[in-house]
Amino acid sequence: MCLTQKHTTFAYDKFKNKGELIMTTKTFKVEGMKCSHCKAHVEEAIQALPGVEKAEAHLDAANVAVDFDAAKVSAEAIKKAVDEAGHYELILE
């Protein structure tokens, strides 16, 4: 069973040029992610969004790093996907 616990927030932006696309890498704090099932569930919810190249969740840091095309998907859409995936909350800063 997964229980909600608060963790320190960590976020950063990095831009990568992929041909004509500019990919953004952003790390978001995620509350409620406690086990490998939670990790996979969060990653799958994010990777299902159009414009997301990769999502890698980290249990120990309670965050998820996402490579995405900001022209196709917003941070708010990523938050909504995670929040609707289960007992998780993605924190936007």
PDB file of N, CA and C in Angstrom:
ATOM      1  N   MET A   1       0.847  -1.182   0.000  1.00  0.00           N
ATOM      2  CA  MET A   1       0.000   0.000   0.000  1.00  0.00           C
ATOM      3  C   MET A   1       0.889   1.241   0.000  1.00  0.00           C
ATOM      4  N   CYS A   2       0.533   2.213  -0.790  1.00  0.00           N
ATOM      5  CA  CYS A   2       1.298   3.450  -0.899  1.00  0.00           C
ATOM      6  C   CYS A   2       0.651   4.526  -0.032  1.00  0.00           C
ATOM      7  N   LEU A   3       1.454   5.221   0.722  1.00  0.00           N
ATOM      8  CA  LEU A   3       0.976   6.304   1.569  1.00  0.00           C
ATOM      9  C   LEU A   3       1.592   7.606   1.100  1.00  0.00           C
ATOM     10  N   THR A   4       0.872   8.686   1.220  1.00  0.00           N
ATOM     11  CA  THR A   4       1.379   9.993   0.807  1.00  0.00           C
ATOM     12  C   THR A   4       2.368  10.520   1.832  1.00  0.00           C
ATOM     13  N   GLN A   5       3.481  11.047   1.342  1.00  0.00           N
ATOM     14  CA  GLN A   5       4.492  11.646   2.200  1.00  0.00           C
ATOM     15  C   GLN A   5       5.085  12.820   1.440  1.00  0.00           C
ATOM     16  N   LYS A   6       5.330  13.924   2.105  1.00  0.00           N
ATOM     17  CA  LYS A   6       5.874  15.112   1.451  1.00  0.00           C
ATOM     18  C   LYS A   6       7.392  14.998   1.337  1.00  0.00           C
ATOM     19  N   HIS A   7       7.918  15.534   0.250  1.00  0.00           N
ATOM     20  CA  HIS A   7       9.351  15.502  -0.017  1.00  0.00           C
ATOM     21  C   HIS A   7       9.816  16.878  -0.471  1.00  0.00           C
ATOM     22  N   THR A   8      11.107  17.079  -0.482  1.00  0.00           N
ATOM     23  CA  THR A   8      11.698  18.328  -0.932  1.00  0.00           C
ATOM     24  C   THR A   8      11.489  18.501  -2.434  1.00  0.00           C
ATOM     25  N   THR A   9      11.198  19.710  -2.836  1.00  0.00           N
ATOM     26  CA  THR A   9      10.969  20.014  -4.246  1.00  0.00           C
ATOM     27  C   THR A   9      12.295  20.224  -4.963  1.00  0.00           C
ATOM     28  N   PHE A  10      12.401  19.676  -6.183  1.00  0.00           N
ATOM     29  CA  PHE A  10      13.573  19.841  -7.011  1.00  0.00           C
ATOM     30  C   PHE A  10      13.084  19.984  -8.449  1.00  0.00           C
ATOM     31  N   ALA A  11      13.428  21.077  -9.105  1.00  0.00           N
ATOM     32  CA  ALA A  11      13.009  21.244 -10.497  1.00  0.00           C
ATOM     33  C   ALA A  11      14.071  22.013 -11.269  1.00  0.00           C
ATOM     34  N   TYR A  12      14.200  21.699 -12.537  1.00  0.00           N
ATOM     35  CA  TYR A  12      15.110  22.442 -13.394  1.00  0.00           C
ATOM     36  C   TYR A  12      14.633  22.329 -14.835  1.00  0.00           C
ATOM     37  N   ASP A  13      15.087  23.240 -15.675  1.00  0.00           N
ATOM     38  CA  ASP A  13      14.783  23.200 -17.102  1.00  0.00           C
ATOM     39  C   ASP A  13      16.080  23.058 -17.875  1.00  0.00           C
ATOM     40  N   LYS A  14      16.030  22.325 -18.957  1.00  0.00           N
ATOM     41  CA  LYS A  14      17.166  22.180 -19.852  1.00  0.00           C
ATOM     42  C   LYS A  14      16.596  22.057 -21.258  1.00  0.00           C
ATOM     43  N   PHE A  15      17.221  22.676 -22.212  1.00  0.00           N
ATOM     44  CA  PHE A  15      16.723  22.617 -23.576  1.00  0.00           C
ATOM     45  C   PHE A  15      17.695  21.835 -24.442  1.00  0.00           C
ATOM     46  N   LYS A  16      17.148  20.992 -25.319  1.00  0.00           N
ATOM     47  CA  LYS A  16      17.936  20.213 -26.260  1.00  0.00           C
ATOM     48  C   LYS A  16      17.384  20.455 -27.656  1.00  0.00           C
ATOM     49  N   ASN A  17      18.264  20.681 -28.605  1.00  0.00           N
ATOM     50  CA  ASN A  17      17.834  20.869 -29.983  1.00  0.00           C
ATOM     51  C   ASN A  17      17.782  19.510 -30.668  1.00  0.00           C
ATOM     52  N   LYS A  18      16.602  19.115 -31.128  1.00  0.00           N
ATOM     53  CA  LYS A  18      16.404  17.846 -31.839  1.00  0.00           C
ATOM     54  C   LYS A  18      15.949  18.196 -33.253  1.00  0.00           C
ATOM     55  N   GLY A  19      16.889  18.464 -34.140  1.00  0.00           N
ATOM     56  CA  GLY A  19      16.512  18.900 -35.475  1.00  0.00           C
ATOM     57  C   GLY A  19      15.850  20.253 -35.382  1.00  0.00           C
ATOM     58  N   GLU A  20      14.592  20.338 -35.793  1.00  0.00           N
ATOM     59  CA  GLU A  20      13.860  21.592 -35.699  1.00  0.00           C
ATOM     60  C   GLU A  20      13.034  21.684 -34.424  1.00  0.00           C
ATOM     61  N   LEU A  21      12.966  20.609 -33.668  1.00  0.00           N
ATOM     62  CA  LEU A  21      12.213  20.618 -32.414  1.00  0.00           C
ATOM     63  C   LEU A  21      13.111  21.069 -31.276  1.00  0.00           C
ATOM     64  N   ILE A  22      12.545  21.760 -30.329  1.00  0.00           N
ATOM     65  CA  ILE A  22      13.284  22.072 -29.112  1.00  0.00           C
ATOM     66  C   ILE A  22      12.630  21.286 -27.992  1.00  0.00           C
ATOM     67  N   MET A  23      13.367  20.319 -27.477  1.00  0.00           N
ATOM     68  CA  MET A  23      12.857  19.480 -26.402  1.00  0.00           C
ATOM     69  C   MET A  23      13.228  20.112 -25.064  1.00  0.00           C
ATOM     70  N   THR A  24      12.310  20.044 -24.134  1.00  0.00           N
ATOM     71  CA  THR A  24      12.517  20.537 -22.781  1.00  0.00           C
ATOM     72  C   THR A  24      12.639  19.342 -21.855  1.00  0.00           C
ATOM     73  N   THR A  25      13.595  19.396 -20.934  1.00  0.00           N
ATOM     74  CA  THR A  25      13.681  18.401 -19.866  1.00  0.00           C
ATOM     75  C   THR A  25      13.365  19.121 -18.574  1.00  0.00           C
ATOM     76  N   LYS A  26      12.359  18.633 -17.876  1.00  0.00           N
ATOM     77  CA  LYS A  26      11.961  19.253 -16.612  1.00  0.00           C
ATOM     78  C   LYS A  26      11.762  18.158 -15.581  1.00  0.00           C
ATOM     79  N   THR A  27      12.186  18.427 -14.365  1.00  0.00           N
ATOM     80  CA  THR A  27      11.987  17.498 -13.259  1.00  0.00           C
ATOM     81  C   THR A  27      10.910  18.059 -12.348  1.00  0.00           C
ATOM     82  N   PHE A  28       9.888  17.241 -12.113  1.00  0.00           N
ATOM     83  CA  PHE A  28       8.749  17.626 -11.288  1.00  0.00           C
ATOM     84  C   PHE A  28       8.737  16.807 -10.001  1.00  0.00           C
ATOM     85  N   LYS A  29       8.381  17.430  -8.901  1.00  0.00           N
ATOM     86  CA  LYS A  29       8.155  16.735  -7.637  1.00  0.00           C
ATOM     87  C   LYS A  29       6.851  15.947  -7.760  1.00  0.00           C
ATOM     88  N   VAL A  30       6.831  14.713  -7.245  1.00  0.00           N
ATOM     89  CA  VAL A  30       5.616  13.893  -7.249  1.00  0.00           C
ATOM     90  C   VAL A  30       5.378  13.375  -5.835  1.00  0.00           C
ATOM     91  N   GLU A  31       4.215  13.669  -5.296  1.00  0.00           N
ATOM     92  CA  GLU A  31       3.843  13.153  -3.979  1.00  0.00           C
ATOM     93  C   GLU A  31       2.993  11.904  -4.151  1.00  0.00           C
ATOM     94  N   GLY A  32       3.179  10.930  -3.253  1.00  0.00           N
ATOM     95  CA  GLY A  32       2.369   9.719  -3.257  1.00  0.00           C
ATOM     96  C   GLY A  32       2.979   8.551  -3.996  1.00  0.00           C
ATOM     97  N   MET A  33       4.168   8.712  -4.555  1.00  0.00           N
ATOM     98  CA  MET A  33       4.840   7.648  -5.302  1.00  0.00           C
ATOM     99  C   MET A  33       5.750   6.885  -4.340  1.00  0.00           C
ATOM    100  N   LYS A  34       5.382   5.643  -3.996  1.00  0.00           N
ATOM    101  CA  LYS A  34       6.081   4.926  -2.926  1.00  0.00           C
ATOM    102  C   LYS A  34       6.703   3.590  -3.313  1.00  0.00           C
ATOM    103  N   CYS A  35       6.351   3.013  -4.457  1.00  0.00           N
ATOM    104  CA  CYS A  35       6.862   1.681  -4.800  1.00  0.00           C
ATOM    105  C   CYS A  35       7.124   1.604  -6.303  1.00  0.00           C
ATOM    106  N   SER A  36       7.662   0.479  -6.755  1.00  0.00           N
ATOM    107  CA  SER A  36       7.976   0.329  -8.175  1.00  0.00           C
ATOM    108  C   SER A  36       6.712   0.357  -9.038  1.00  0.00           C
ATOM    109  N   HIS A  37       5.588  -0.110  -8.507  1.00  0.00           N
ATOM    110  CA  HIS A  37       4.322  -0.036  -9.242  1.00  0.00           C
ATOM    111  C   HIS A  37       3.916   1.426  -9.435  1.00  0.00           C
ATOM    112  N   CYS A  38       4.048   2.224  -8.383  1.00  0.00           N
ATOM    113  CA  CYS A  38       3.739   3.661  -8.476  1.00  0.00           C
ATOM    114  C   CYS A  38       4.624   4.322  -9.528  1.00  0.00           C
ATOM    115  N   LYS A  39       5.917   4.011  -9.479  1.00  0.00           N
ATOM    116  CA  LYS A  39       6.891   4.568 -10.411  1.00  0.00           C
ATOM    117  C   LYS A  39       6.473   4.270 -11.853  1.00  0.00           C
ATOM    118  N   ALA A  40       6.157   3.011 -12.127  1.00  0.00           N
ATOM    119  CA  ALA A  40       5.748   2.605 -13.473  1.00  0.00           C
ATOM    120  C   ALA A  40       4.441   3.282 -13.885  1.00  0.00           C
ATOM    121  N   HIS A  41       3.516   3.399 -12.959  1.00  0.00           N
ATOM    122  CA  HIS A  41       2.215   4.010 -13.246  1.00  0.00           C
ATOM    123  C   HIS A  41       2.386   5.487 -13.623  1.00  0.00           C
ATOM    124  N   VAL A  42       3.219   6.201 -12.891  1.00  0.00           N
ATOM    125  CA  VAL A  42       3.479   7.619 -13.180  1.00  0.00           C
ATOM    126  C   VAL A  42       4.164   7.759 -14.541  1.00  0.00           C
ATOM    127  N   GLU A  43       5.192   6.940 -14.795  1.00  0.00           N
ATOM    128  CA  GLU A  43       5.903   6.997 -16.075  1.00  0.00           C
ATOM    129  C   GLU A  43       4.959   6.706 -17.247  1.00  0.00           C
ATOM    130  N   GLU A  44       4.128   5.681 -17.117  1.00  0.00           N
ATOM    131  CA  GLU A  44       3.197   5.316 -18.192  1.00  0.00           C
ATOM    132  C   GLU A  44       2.174   6.419 -18.459  1.00  0.00           C
ATOM    133  N   ALA A  45       1.675   7.044 -17.412  1.00  0.00           N
ATOM    134  CA  ALA A  45       0.689   8.120 -17.576  1.00  0.00           C
ATOM    135  C   ALA A  45       1.286   9.286 -18.362  1.00  0.00           C
ATOM    136  N   ILE A  46       2.531   9.623 -18.057  1.00  0.00           N
ATOM    137  CA  ILE A  46       3.188  10.743 -18.739  1.00  0.00           C
ATOM    138  C   ILE A  46       3.558  10.366 -20.169  1.00  0.00           C
ATOM    139  N   GLN A  47       4.115   9.169 -20.359  1.00  0.00           N
ATOM    140  CA  GLN A  47       4.565   8.756 -21.690  1.00  0.00           C
ATOM    141  C   GLN A  47       3.411   8.558 -22.669  1.00  0.00           C
ATOM    142  N   ALA A  48       2.193   8.448 -22.183  1.00  0.00           N
ATOM    143  CA  ALA A  48       1.025   8.314 -23.060  1.00  0.00           C
ATOM    144  C   ALA A  48       0.640   9.639 -23.720  1.00  0.00           C
ATOM    145  N   LEU A  49       1.191  10.737 -23.222  1.00  0.00           N
ATOM    146  CA  LEU A  49       0.854  12.058 -23.767  1.00  0.00           C
ATOM    147  C   LEU A  49       1.605  12.326 -25.070  1.00  0.00           C
ATOM    148  N   PRO A  50       0.920  12.883 -26.083  1.00  0.00           N
ATOM    149  CA  PRO A  50       1.617  13.263 -27.311  1.00  0.00           C
ATOM    150  C   PRO A  50       2.623  14.372 -27.011  1.00  0.00           C
ATOM    151  N   GLY A  51       3.817  14.246 -27.567  1.00  0.00           N
ATOM    152  CA  GLY A  51       4.855  15.245 -27.345  1.00  0.00           C
ATOM    153  C   GLY A  51       5.837  14.872 -26.255  1.00  0.00           C
ATOM    154  N   VAL A  52       5.564  13.800 -25.517  1.00  0.00           N
ATOM    155  CA  VAL A  52       6.490  13.341 -24.477  1.00  0.00           C
ATOM    156  C   VAL A  52       7.424  12.304 -25.085  1.00  0.00           C
ATOM    157  N   GLU A  53       8.718  12.552 -24.964  1.00  0.00           N
ATOM    158  CA  GLU A  53       9.722  11.622 -25.476  1.00  0.00           C
ATOM    159  C   GLU A  53      10.092  10.577 -24.427  1.00  0.00           C
ATOM    160  N   LYS A  54      10.207  11.007 -23.156  1.00  0.00           N
ATOM    161  CA  LYS A  54      10.665  10.098 -22.104  1.00  0.00           C
ATOM    162  C   LYS A  54      10.221  10.628 -20.747  1.00  0.00           C
ATOM    163  N   ALA A  55       9.888   9.697 -19.849  1.00  0.00           N
ATOM    164  CA  ALA A  55       9.601  10.043 -18.454  1.00  0.00           C
ATOM    165  C   ALA A  55      10.326   9.029 -17.583  1.00  0.00           C
ATOM    166  N   GLU A  56      11.101   9.517 -16.631  1.00  0.00           N
ATOM    167  CA  GLU A  56      11.855   8.636 -15.733  1.00  0.00           C
ATOM    168  C   GLU A  56      11.622   9.083 -14.292  1.00  0.00           C
ATOM    169  N   ALA A  57      10.884   8.260 -13.554  1.00  0.00           N
ATOM    170  CA  ALA A  57      10.562   8.571 -12.162  1.00  0.00           C
ATOM    171  C   ALA A  57      11.644   8.034 -11.237  1.00  0.00           C
ATOM    172  N   HIS A  58      11.852   8.724 -10.118  1.00  0.00           N
ATOM    173  CA  HIS A  58      12.855   8.351  -9.121  1.00  0.00           C
ATOM    174  C   HIS A  58      12.173   8.291  -7.758  1.00  0.00           C
ATOM    175  N   LEU A  59      12.071   7.079  -7.211  1.00  0.00           N
ATOM    176  CA  LEU A  59      11.386   6.909  -5.929  1.00  0.00           C
ATOM    177  C   LEU A  59      12.089   7.638  -4.797  1.00  0.00           C
ATOM    178  N   ASP A  60      13.417   7.475  -4.688  1.00  0.00           N
ATOM    179  CA  ASP A  60      14.158   8.075  -3.574  1.00  0.00           C
ATOM    180  C   ASP A  60      14.048   9.595  -3.549  1.00  0.00           C
ATOM    181  N   ALA A  61      14.061  10.204  -4.721  1.00  0.00           N
ATOM    182  CA  ALA A  61      13.982  11.664  -4.812  1.00  0.00           C
ATOM    183  C   ALA A  61      12.539  12.159  -4.901  1.00  0.00           C
ATOM    184  N   ALA A  62      11.596  11.247  -5.072  1.00  0.00           N
ATOM    185  CA  ALA A  62      10.166  11.580  -5.207  1.00  0.00           C
ATOM    186  C   ALA A  62       9.941  12.588  -6.336  1.00  0.00           C
ATOM    187  N   ASN A  63      10.555  12.294  -7.500  1.00  0.00           N
ATOM    188  CA  ASN A  63      10.361  13.179  -8.637  1.00  0.00           C
ATOM    189  C   ASN A  63      10.333  12.390  -9.936  1.00  0.00           C
ATOM    190  N   VAL A  64      10.018  13.078 -11.018  1.00  0.00           N
ATOM    191  CA  VAL A  64      10.019  12.476 -12.346  1.00  0.00           C
ATOM    192  C   VAL A  64      10.643  13.469 -13.320  1.00  0.00           C
ATOM    193  N   ALA A  65      11.605  12.990 -14.117  1.00  0.00           N
ATOM    194  CA  ALA A  65      12.234  13.802 -15.156  1.00  0.00           C
ATOM    195  C   ALA A  65      11.517  13.502 -16.470  1.00  0.00           C
ATOM    196  N   VAL A  66      11.111  14.554 -17.163  1.00  0.00           N
ATOM    197  CA  VAL A  66      10.326  14.392 -18.386  1.00  0.00           C
ATOM    198  C   VAL A  66      10.993  15.157 -19.526  1.00  0.00           C
ATOM    199  N   ASP A  67      11.250  14.456 -20.648  1.00  0.00           N
ATOM    200  CA  ASP A  67      11.708  15.083 -21.888  1.00  0.00           C
ATOM    201  C   ASP A  67      10.470  15.275 -22.756  1.00  0.00           C
ATOM    202  N   PHE A  68      10.160  16.523 -23.117  1.00  0.00           N
ATOM    203  CA  PHE A  68       8.943  16.767 -23.884  1.00  0.00           C
ATOM    204  C   PHE A  68       9.078  17.971 -24.801  1.00  0.00           C
ATOM    205  N   ASP A  69       8.231  17.992 -25.826  1.00  0.00           N
ATOM    206  CA  ASP A  69       8.133  19.107 -26.758  1.00  0.00           C
ATOM    207  C   ASP A  69       7.078  20.059 -26.199  1.00  0.00           C
ATOM    208  N   ALA A  70       7.522  21.197 -25.688  1.00  0.00           N
ATOM    209  CA  ALA A  70       6.614  22.152 -25.046  1.00  0.00           C
ATOM    210  C   ALA A  70       5.595  22.741 -26.022  1.00  0.00           C
ATOM    211  N   ALA A  71       5.837  22.603 -27.323  1.00  0.00           N
ATOM    212  CA  ALA A  71       4.864  23.066 -28.311  1.00  0.00           C
ATOM    213  C   ALA A  71       3.692  22.091 -28.436  1.00  0.00           C
ATOM    214  N   LYS A  72       3.890  20.854 -27.981  1.00  0.00           N
ATOM    215  CA  LYS A  72       2.849  19.827 -28.102  1.00  0.00           C
ATOM    216  C   LYS A  72       2.183  19.465 -26.783  1.00  0.00           C
ATOM    217  N   VAL A  73       2.888  19.628 -25.680  1.00  0.00           N
ATOM    218  CA  VAL A  73       2.336  19.251 -24.371  1.00  0.00           C
ATOM    219  C   VAL A  73       2.828  20.251 -23.325  1.00  0.00           C
ATOM    220  N   SER A  74       1.941  20.636 -22.436  1.00  0.00           N
ATOM    221  CA  SER A  74       2.290  21.612 -21.396  1.00  0.00           C
ATOM    222  C   SER A  74       2.575  20.914 -20.073  1.00  0.00           C
ATOM    223  N   ALA A  75       3.225  21.633 -19.179  1.00  0.00           N
ATOM    224  CA  ALA A  75       3.454  21.116 -17.826  1.00  0.00           C
ATOM    225  C   ALA A  75       2.119  20.851 -17.136  1.00  0.00           C
ATOM    226  N   GLU A  76       1.132  21.677 -17.420  1.00  0.00           N
ATOM    227  CA  GLU A  76      -0.197  21.491 -16.824  1.00  0.00           C
ATOM    228  C   GLU A  76      -0.843  20.188 -17.292  1.00  0.00           C
ATOM    229  N   ALA A  77      -0.642  19.826 -18.571  1.00  0.00           N
ATOM    230  CA  ALA A  77      -1.179  18.565 -19.094  1.00  0.00           C
ATOM    231  C   ALA A  77      -0.471  17.371 -18.459  1.00  0.00           C
ATOM    232  N   ILE A  78       0.833  17.512 -18.222  1.00  0.00           N
ATOM    233  CA  ILE A  78       1.596  16.451 -17.554  1.00  0.00           C
ATOM    234  C   ILE A  78       1.085  16.288 -16.128  1.00  0.00           C
ATOM    235  N   LYS A  79       0.867  17.406 -15.442  1.00  0.00           N
ATOM    236  CA  LYS A  79       0.324  17.358 -14.079  1.00  0.00           C
ATOM    237  C   LYS A  79      -1.026  16.653 -14.058  1.00  0.00           C
ATOM    238  N   LYS A  80      -1.901  17.025 -14.991  1.00  0.00           N
ATOM    239  CA  LYS A  80      -3.241  16.426 -15.038  1.00  0.00           C
ATOM    240  C   LYS A  80      -3.157  14.913 -15.248  1.00  0.00           C
ATOM    241  N   ALA A  81      -2.276  14.463 -16.135  1.00  0.00           N
ATOM    242  CA  ALA A  81      -2.124  13.027 -16.401  1.00  0.00           C
ATOM    243  C   ALA A  81      -1.682  12.278 -15.147  1.00  0.00           C
ATOM    244  N   VAL A  82      -0.727  12.852 -14.412  1.00  0.00           N
ATOM    245  CA  VAL A  82      -0.235  12.205 -13.185  1.00  0.00           C
ATOM    246  C   VAL A  82      -1.308  12.234 -12.105  1.00  0.00           C
ATOM    247  N   ASP A  83      -1.928  13.379 -11.913  1.00  0.00           N
ATOM    248  CA  ASP A  83      -2.956  13.514 -10.874  1.00  0.00           C
ATOM    249  C   ASP A  83      -4.129  12.559 -11.114  1.00  0.00           C
ATOM    250  N   GLU A  84      -4.453  12.302 -12.388  1.00  0.00           N
ATOM    251  CA  GLU A  84      -5.563  11.411 -12.716  1.00  0.00           C
ATOM    252  C   GLU A  84      -5.152   9.937 -12.737  1.00  0.00           C
ATOM    253  N   ALA A  85      -3.855   9.660 -12.643  1.00  0.00           N
ATOM    254  CA  ALA A  85      -3.358   8.280 -12.727  1.00  0.00           C
ATOM    255  C   ALA A  85      -3.573   7.484 -11.446  1.00  0.00           C
ATOM    256  N   GLY A  86      -3.841   8.148 -10.352  1.00  0.00           N
ATOM    257  CA  GLY A  86      -4.015   7.415  -9.097  1.00  0.00           C
ATOM    258  C   GLY A  86      -3.816   8.325  -7.909  1.00  0.00           C
ATOM    259  N   HIS A  87      -3.172   7.819  -6.902  1.00  0.00           N
ATOM    260  CA  HIS A  87      -2.979   8.541  -5.639  1.00  0.00           C
ATOM    261  C   HIS A  87      -1.689   9.352  -5.665  1.00  0.00           C
ATOM    262  N   TYR A  88      -1.487  10.094  -6.748  1.00  0.00           N
ATOM    263  CA  TYR A  88      -0.261  10.866  -6.926  1.00  0.00           C
ATOM    264  C   TYR A  88      -0.632  12.321  -7.165  1.00  0.00           C
ATOM    265  N   GLU A  89       0.304  13.207  -6.825  1.00  0.00           N
ATOM    266  CA  GLU A  89       0.123  14.623  -7.127  1.00  0.00           C
ATOM    267  C   GLU A  89       1.435  15.172  -7.642  1.00  0.00           C
ATOM    268  N   LEU A  90       1.423  15.676  -8.881  1.00  0.00           N
ATOM    269  CA  LEU A  90       2.588  16.317  -9.456  1.00  0.00           C
ATOM    270  C   LEU A  90       2.536  17.785  -9.066  1.00  0.00           C
ATOM    271  N   ILE A  91       3.650  18.304  -8.556  1.00  0.00           N
ATOM    272  CA  ILE A  91       3.718  19.682  -8.071  1.00  0.00           C
ATOM    273  C   ILE A  91       4.363  20.567  -9.139  1.00  0.00           C
ATOM    274  N   LEU A  92       3.644  21.603  -9.562  1.00  0.00           N
ATOM    275  CA  LEU A  92       4.194  22.592 -10.492  1.00  0.00           C
ATOM    276  C   LEU A  92       4.749  23.757  -9.689  1.00  0.00           C
ATOM    277  N   GLU A  93       5.856  24.291 -10.141  1.00  0.00           N
ATOM    278  CA  GLU A  93       6.433  25.470  -9.481  1.00  0.00           C
ATOM    279  C   GLU A  93       6.530  26.611 -10.439  1.00  0.00           C
TER     280      GLU A  93
END
